[in-house]
């Protein structure tokens, strides 16, 4: 948590490397730190090139922009806050990200997923879900599991950032947790289809 000051954010590597991003000046928003983002992308590096990336509860947009910087084909940014939408737009412009490379939606994460599942026209290879730590992860993940099959490409990966002491389920729909990484107060849980 930060106390009325902006956290320093930057793009770590790739075509937008070194670009400084604006961060939210809010006590309710907790951006994914550069260090945790670097850990995340070290793990998913082999899968990011040409991936369709979904950044849920996108906040500053740093995770999705990092994905684009590292070669993702397209990023979809979803955040329910109009303030965060403006911040994401500003950060995309600071990096010079072409408009064809992303989609930006202002709506609650689960509402976005419901609509996307009903349309059945779009799937993602990697979904990064980072709701506020105070929210009900279990309820959100349970709802997500109900329509994950319509949203996920084959061999897709769901990553959930959460408070390290929050216990998440071992399964989300047909996805199984394959790995958990803890760093500071945060943790990353990685879900994918289990080996058969």
C-alpha atoms as a PDB file:
ATOM      1  CA  UNK A   1       0.000   0.000   0.000  1.00  0.00           C
ATOM      2  CA  UNK A   2       1.195   3.498  -0.605  1.00  0.00           C
ATOM      3  CA  UNK A   3       0.272   6.579   1.347  1.00  0.00           C
ATOM      4  CA  UNK A   4      -0.612   9.414  -1.029  1.00  0.00           C
ATOM      5  CA  UNK A   5       2.474   9.170  -3.237  1.00  0.00           C
ATOM      6  CA  UNK A   6       2.918   7.647  -6.649  1.00  0.00           C
ATOM      7  CA  UNK A   7       4.783   4.370  -6.997  1.00  0.00           C
ATOM      8  CA  UNK A   8       7.495   4.406  -9.646  1.00  0.00           C
ATOM      9  CA  UNK A   9       6.583   2.071 -12.512  1.00  0.00           C
ATOM     10  CA  UNK A  10       8.537   1.307 -15.667  1.00  0.00           C
ATOM     11  CA  UNK A  11       8.459  -1.161 -18.535  1.00  0.00           C
ATOM     12  CA  UNK A  12      11.180  -3.693 -17.812  1.00  0.00           C
ATOM     13  CA  UNK A  13      12.127  -5.045 -21.231  1.00  0.00           C
ATOM     14  CA  UNK A  14      11.052  -5.368 -24.845  1.00  0.00           C
ATOM     15  CA  UNK A  15      10.200  -2.701 -27.380  1.00  0.00           C
ATOM     16  CA  UNK A  16       8.906  -0.246 -24.725  1.00  0.00           C
ATOM     17  CA  UNK A  17      11.766  -0.946 -22.317  1.00  0.00           C
ATOM     18  CA  UNK A  18      12.561   1.813 -19.829  1.00  0.00           C
ATOM     19  CA  UNK A  19       9.379   3.810 -20.467  1.00  0.00           C
ATOM     20  CA  UNK A  20       8.141   5.298 -17.197  1.00  0.00           C
ATOM     21  CA  UNK A  21       4.470   4.840 -16.474  1.00  0.00           C
ATOM     22  CA  UNK A  22       2.098   6.910 -14.411  1.00  0.00           C
ATOM     23  CA  UNK A  23       0.759   5.130 -11.335  1.00  0.00           C
ATOM     24  CA  UNK A  24      -2.477   5.790  -9.478  1.00  0.00           C
ATOM     25  CA  UNK A  25      -2.432   8.192  -6.558  1.00  0.00           C
ATOM     26  CA  UNK A  26      -4.866   6.196  -4.458  1.00  0.00           C
ATOM     27  CA  UNK A  27      -4.982   4.198  -1.267  1.00  0.00           C
ATOM     28  CA  UNK A  28      -7.355   1.680  -2.878  1.00  0.00           C
ATOM     29  CA  UNK A  29      -5.135   0.756  -5.824  1.00  0.00           C
ATOM     30  CA  UNK A  30      -2.039  -1.424  -5.483  1.00  0.00           C
ATOM     31  CA  UNK A  31      -0.063  -1.661  -8.719  1.00  0.00           C
ATOM     32  CA  UNK A  32       1.936  -4.803  -9.413  1.00  0.00           C
ATOM     33  CA  UNK A  33       5.502  -3.829  -8.519  1.00  0.00           C
ATOM     34  CA  UNK A  34       8.289  -3.862 -11.107  1.00  0.00           C
ATOM     35  CA  UNK A  35       9.943  -6.703  -9.186  1.00  0.00           C
ATOM     36  CA  UNK A  36       6.838  -8.904  -9.096  1.00  0.00           C
ATOM     37  CA  UNK A  37       6.115  -8.095 -12.758  1.00  0.00           C
ATOM     38  CA  UNK A  38       9.644  -9.165 -13.664  1.00  0.00           C
ATOM     39  CA  UNK A  39       9.137 -12.452 -11.794  1.00  0.00           C
ATOM     40  CA  UNK A  40       5.823 -12.994 -13.580  1.00  0.00           C
ATOM     41  CA  UNK A  41       7.274 -12.415 -17.040  1.00  0.00           C
ATOM     42  CA  UNK A  42      10.338 -14.549 -16.334  1.00  0.00           C
ATOM     43  CA  UNK A  43       7.931 -17.449 -15.757  1.00  0.00           C
ATOM     44  CA  UNK A  44       5.668 -16.837 -18.756  1.00  0.00           C
ATOM     45  CA  UNK A  45       8.369 -15.635 -21.203  1.00  0.00           C
ATOM     46  CA  UNK A  46       8.160 -18.742 -23.442  1.00  0.00           C
ATOM     47  CA  UNK A  47       4.400 -18.207 -23.873  1.00  0.00           C
ATOM     48  CA  UNK A  48       4.112 -14.469 -24.367  1.00  0.00           C
ATOM     49  CA  UNK A  49       5.143 -14.048 -28.021  1.00  0.00           C
ATOM     50  CA  UNK A  50       2.037 -13.669 -30.228  1.00  0.00           C
ATOM     51  CA  UNK A  51      -0.262 -14.374 -27.242  1.00  0.00           C
ATOM     52  CA  UNK A  52      -3.634 -12.753 -26.724  1.00  0.00           C
ATOM     53  CA  UNK A  53      -3.328 -11.258 -23.227  1.00  0.00           C
ATOM     54  CA  UNK A  54      -6.199 -10.246 -20.926  1.00  0.00           C
ATOM     55  CA  UNK A  55      -5.375  -7.866 -18.058  1.00  0.00           C
ATOM     56  CA  UNK A  56      -8.324  -7.967 -15.618  1.00  0.00           C
ATOM     57  CA  UNK A  57      -8.534  -5.255 -12.944  1.00  0.00           C
ATOM     58  CA  UNK A  58      -5.804  -3.606 -14.988  1.00  0.00           C
ATOM     59  CA  UNK A  59      -5.158  -0.553 -12.766  1.00  0.00           C
ATOM     60  CA  UNK A  60      -2.276   1.327 -14.401  1.00  0.00           C
ATOM     61  CA  UNK A  61      -2.121  -1.134 -17.305  1.00  0.00           C
ATOM     62  CA  UNK A  62       1.539  -1.919 -16.522  1.00  0.00           C
ATOM     63  CA  UNK A  63       1.131  -5.710 -16.791  1.00  0.00           C
ATOM     64  CA  UNK A  64      -0.669  -5.632 -20.135  1.00  0.00           C
ATOM     65  CA  UNK A  65       1.733  -3.038 -21.554  1.00  0.00           C
ATOM     66  CA  UNK A  66       4.664  -5.196 -20.426  1.00  0.00           C
ATOM     67  CA  UNK A  67       3.053  -8.119 -22.275  1.00  0.00           C
ATOM     68  CA  UNK A  68       2.806  -6.024 -25.448  1.00  0.00           C
ATOM     69  CA  UNK A  69       6.369  -4.835 -25.005  1.00  0.00           C
ATOM     70  CA  UNK A  70       7.516  -8.469 -24.879  1.00  0.00           C
ATOM     71  CA  UNK A  71       5.702  -9.478 -28.041  1.00  0.00           C
ATOM     72  CA  UNK A  72       2.075 -10.275 -27.160  1.00  0.00           C
ATOM     73  CA  UNK A  73      -0.114  -9.958 -30.263  1.00  0.00           C
ATOM     74  CA  UNK A  74      -2.924  -8.095 -28.494  1.00  0.00           C
ATOM     75  CA  UNK A  75      -3.837  -6.978 -24.976  1.00  0.00           C
ATOM     76  CA  UNK A  76      -7.288  -6.397 -23.564  1.00  0.00           C
ATOM     77  CA  UNK A  77      -7.398  -4.082 -20.537  1.00  0.00           C
ATOM     78  CA  UNK A  78     -10.409  -4.263 -18.216  1.00  0.00           C
ATOM     79  CA  UNK A  79     -11.001  -2.025 -15.207  1.00  0.00           C
ATOM     80  CA  UNK A  80     -14.250  -0.817 -13.674  1.00  0.00           C
ATOM     81  CA  UNK A  81     -12.886   2.637 -12.796  1.00  0.00           C
ATOM     82  CA  UNK A  82     -13.084   5.514 -15.272  1.00  0.00           C
ATOM     83  CA  UNK A  83     -10.100   7.057 -13.491  1.00  0.00           C
ATOM     84  CA  UNK A  84      -8.065   3.897 -14.122  1.00  0.00           C
ATOM     85  CA  UNK A  85      -9.230   3.835 -17.747  1.00  0.00           C
ATOM     86  CA  UNK A  86      -7.849   7.353 -18.220  1.00  0.00           C
ATOM     87  CA  UNK A  87      -4.595   6.295 -16.548  1.00  0.00           C
ATOM     88  CA  UNK A  88      -4.270   3.238 -18.829  1.00  0.00           C
ATOM     89  CA  UNK A  89      -4.952   5.411 -21.900  1.00  0.00           C
ATOM     90  CA  UNK A  90      -2.279   7.841 -20.739  1.00  0.00           C
ATOM     91  CA  UNK A  91       0.263   5.028 -20.218  1.00  0.00           C
ATOM     92  CA  UNK A  92      -0.492   3.474 -23.597  1.00  0.00           C
ATOM     93  CA  UNK A  93       0.072   6.888 -25.197  1.00  0.00           C
ATOM     94  CA  UNK A  94       3.327   7.417 -23.234  1.00  0.00           C
ATOM     95  CA  UNK A  95       4.623   4.142 -24.677  1.00  0.00           C
ATOM     96  CA  UNK A  96       3.312   4.824 -28.176  1.00  0.00           C
ATOM     97  CA  UNK A  97       1.309   1.578 -28.309  1.00  0.00           C
ATOM     98  CA  UNK A  98      -0.635   1.402 -31.616  1.00  0.00           C
ATOM     99  CA  UNK A  99      -4.416   1.370 -31.138  1.00  0.00           C
ATOM    100  CA  UNK A 100      -4.747  -1.872 -33.114  1.00  0.00           C
ATOM    101  CA  UNK A 101      -2.673  -3.661 -30.462  1.00  0.00           C
ATOM    102  CA  UNK A 102      -5.143  -3.265 -27.608  1.00  0.00           C
ATOM    103  CA  UNK A 103      -8.744  -3.051 -26.463  1.00  0.00           C
ATOM    104  CA  UNK A 104      -9.764  -1.054 -23.389  1.00  0.00           C
ATOM    105  CA  UNK A 105     -13.025  -1.685 -21.543  1.00  0.00           C
ATOM    106  CA  UNK A 106     -14.526   0.063 -18.516  1.00  0.00           C
ATOM    107  CA  UNK A 107     -16.563  -2.532 -16.635  1.00  0.00           C
ATOM    108  CA  UNK A 108     -16.305  -4.892 -13.672  1.00  0.00           C
ATOM    109  CA  UNK A 109     -14.127  -7.926 -14.384  1.00  0.00           C
ATOM    110  CA  UNK A 110     -16.803 -10.576 -13.899  1.00  0.00           C
ATOM    111  CA  UNK A 111     -19.342  -8.654 -15.961  1.00  0.00           C
ATOM    112  CA  UNK A 112     -16.780  -8.415 -18.768  1.00  0.00           C
ATOM    113  CA  UNK A 113     -16.108 -12.163 -18.555  1.00  0.00           C
ATOM    114  CA  UNK A 114     -19.838 -12.999 -18.584  1.00  0.00           C
ATOM    115  CA  UNK A 115     -20.388 -10.919 -21.709  1.00  0.00           C
ATOM    116  CA  UNK A 116     -17.307 -12.356 -23.423  1.00  0.00           C
ATOM    117  CA  UNK A 117     -18.398 -15.909 -22.600  1.00  0.00           C
ATOM    118  CA  UNK A 118     -21.896 -15.246 -23.993  1.00  0.00           C
ATOM    119  CA  UNK A 119     -20.484 -13.803 -27.230  1.00  0.00           C
ATOM    120  CA  UNK A 120     -18.057 -16.733 -27.689  1.00  0.00           C
ATOM    121  CA  UNK A 121     -16.091 -14.784 -30.291  1.00  0.00           C
ATOM    122  CA  UNK A 122     -12.867 -14.111 -28.399  1.00  0.00           C
ATOM    123  CA  UNK A 123     -10.443 -16.216 -26.391  1.00  0.00           C
ATOM    124  CA  UNK A 124      -7.213 -15.431 -24.584  1.00  0.00           C
ATOM    125  CA  UNK A 125      -3.955 -17.322 -24.196  1.00  0.00           C
ATOM    126  CA  UNK A 126      -2.995 -15.636 -20.923  1.00  0.00           C
ATOM    127  CA  UNK A 127      -5.329 -14.046 -18.389  1.00  0.00           C
ATOM    128  CA  UNK A 128      -3.847 -11.977 -15.572  1.00  0.00           C
ATOM    129  CA  UNK A 129      -6.369 -11.334 -12.775  1.00  0.00           C
ATOM    130  CA  UNK A 130      -5.391  -8.850 -10.052  1.00  0.00           C
ATOM    131  CA  UNK A 131      -8.448  -7.793  -8.059  1.00  0.00           C
ATOM    132  CA  UNK A 132      -8.091  -5.605  -4.954  1.00  0.00           C
ATOM    133  CA  UNK A 133      -6.825  -7.767  -2.091  1.00  0.00           C
ATOM    134  CA  UNK A 134      -9.949  -6.960  -0.057  1.00  0.00           C
ATOM    135  CA  UNK A 135     -12.302  -8.487  -2.650  1.00  0.00           C
ATOM    136  CA  UNK A 136     -13.808 -11.962  -2.555  1.00  0.00           C
ATOM    137  CA  UNK A 137     -11.324 -14.003  -4.581  1.00  0.00           C
ATOM    138  CA  UNK A 138     -13.095 -17.305  -4.006  1.00  0.00           C
ATOM    139  CA  UNK A 139     -16.421 -16.026  -5.296  1.00  0.00           C
ATOM    140  CA  UNK A 140     -14.767 -14.378  -8.280  1.00  0.00           C
ATOM    141  CA  UNK A 141     -12.740 -17.456  -9.162  1.00  0.00           C
ATOM    142  CA  UNK A 142     -15.778 -19.708  -8.738  1.00  0.00           C
ATOM    143  CA  UNK A 143     -17.738 -17.564 -11.171  1.00  0.00           C
ATOM    144  CA  UNK A 144     -14.772 -17.449 -13.537  1.00  0.00           C
ATOM    145  CA  UNK A 145     -14.518 -21.245 -13.476  1.00  0.00           C
ATOM    146  CA  UNK A 146     -18.094 -21.472 -14.704  1.00  0.00           C
ATOM    147  CA  UNK A 147     -17.327 -19.896 -18.049  1.00  0.00           C
ATOM    148  CA  UNK A 148     -13.570 -20.393 -18.385  1.00  0.00           C
ATOM    149  CA  UNK A 149     -14.009 -22.915 -21.197  1.00  0.00           C
ATOM    150  CA  UNK A 150     -15.537 -20.232 -23.456  1.00  0.00           C
ATOM    151  CA  UNK A 151     -12.767 -17.721 -22.697  1.00  0.00           C
ATOM    152  CA  UNK A 152      -9.581 -19.720 -22.805  1.00  0.00           C
ATOM    153  CA  UNK A 153      -7.577 -20.773 -25.822  1.00  0.00           C
ATOM    154  CA  UNK A 154      -6.105 -24.289 -25.788  1.00  0.00           C
ATOM    155  CA  UNK A 155      -3.166 -24.474 -23.367  1.00  0.00           C
ATOM    156  CA  UNK A 156      -4.207 -21.146 -21.821  1.00  0.00           C
ATOM    157  CA  UNK A 157      -2.818 -19.844 -18.559  1.00  0.00           C
ATOM    158  CA  UNK A 158      -4.664 -18.006 -15.767  1.00  0.00           C
ATOM    159  CA  UNK A 159      -2.499 -16.071 -13.320  1.00  0.00           C
ATOM    160  CA  UNK A 160      -4.008 -14.612 -10.156  1.00  0.00           C
ATOM    161  CA  UNK A 161      -2.147 -12.054  -8.065  1.00  0.00           C
ATOM    162  CA  UNK A 162      -3.248 -12.170  -4.430  1.00  0.00           C
ATOM    163  CA  UNK A 163      -2.228 -11.463  -0.849  1.00  0.00           C
ATOM    164  CA  UNK A 164       0.277 -14.152   0.126  1.00  0.00           C
ATOM    165  CA  UNK A 165      -1.845 -15.299   3.111  1.00  0.00           C
ATOM    166  CA  UNK A 166      -5.022 -15.674   1.028  1.00  0.00           C
ATOM    167  CA  UNK A 167      -5.676 -19.340   0.278  1.00  0.00           C
ATOM    168  CA  UNK A 168      -6.940 -19.817  -3.260  1.00  0.00           C
ATOM    169  CA  UNK A 169      -8.540 -23.045  -4.517  1.00  0.00           C
ATOM    170  CA  UNK A 170      -6.427 -25.724  -6.164  1.00  0.00           C
ATOM    171  CA  UNK A 171      -8.886 -25.801  -9.088  1.00  0.00           C
ATOM    172  CA  UNK A 172     -10.760 -23.123 -11.022  1.00  0.00           C
ATOM    173  CA  UNK A 173     -13.259 -24.832 -13.300  1.00  0.00           C
ATOM    174  CA  UNK A 174     -11.184 -27.210 -15.408  1.00  0.00           C
ATOM    175  CA  UNK A 175      -7.929 -25.454 -14.526  1.00  0.00           C
ATOM    176  CA  UNK A 176      -5.556 -26.703 -11.847  1.00  0.00           C
ATOM    177  CA  UNK A 177      -3.064 -24.642  -9.908  1.00  0.00           C
ATOM    178  CA  UNK A 178       0.363 -25.696 -11.147  1.00  0.00           C
ATOM    179  CA  UNK A 179       2.530 -23.239  -9.254  1.00  0.00           C
ATOM    180  CA  UNK A 180       2.517 -20.521  -6.618  1.00  0.00           C
ATOM    181  CA  UNK A 181       5.235 -17.884  -6.239  1.00  0.00           C
ATOM    182  CA  UNK A 182       5.411 -15.597  -3.198  1.00  0.00           C
ATOM    183  CA  UNK A 183       7.234 -12.281  -3.048  1.00  0.00           C
ATOM    184  CA  UNK A 184       6.811  -9.821  -0.196  1.00  0.00           C
ATOM    185  CA  UNK A 185       3.107  -9.523   0.683  1.00  0.00           C
ATOM    186  CA  UNK A 186       2.041 -10.746  -2.764  1.00  0.00           C
ATOM    187  CA  UNK A 187       1.721 -14.120  -4.436  1.00  0.00           C
ATOM    188  CA  UNK A 188       1.102 -15.332  -7.969  1.00  0.00           C
ATOM    189  CA  UNK A 189      -0.963 -18.483  -8.539  1.00  0.00           C
ATOM    190  CA  UNK A 190      -0.651 -20.099 -11.986  1.00  0.00           C
ATOM    191  CA  UNK A 191      -3.559 -22.196 -13.274  1.00  0.00           C
ATOM    192  CA  UNK A 192      -3.727 -24.289 -16.427  1.00  0.00           C
ATOM    193  CA  UNK A 193      -5.167 -27.531 -17.699  1.00  0.00           C
ATOM    194  CA  UNK A 194      -3.605 -30.450 -15.856  1.00  0.00           C
ATOM    195  CA  UNK A 195      -1.636 -33.116 -17.686  1.00  0.00           C
ATOM    196  CA  UNK A 196      -3.815 -36.031 -18.713  1.00  0.00           C
END
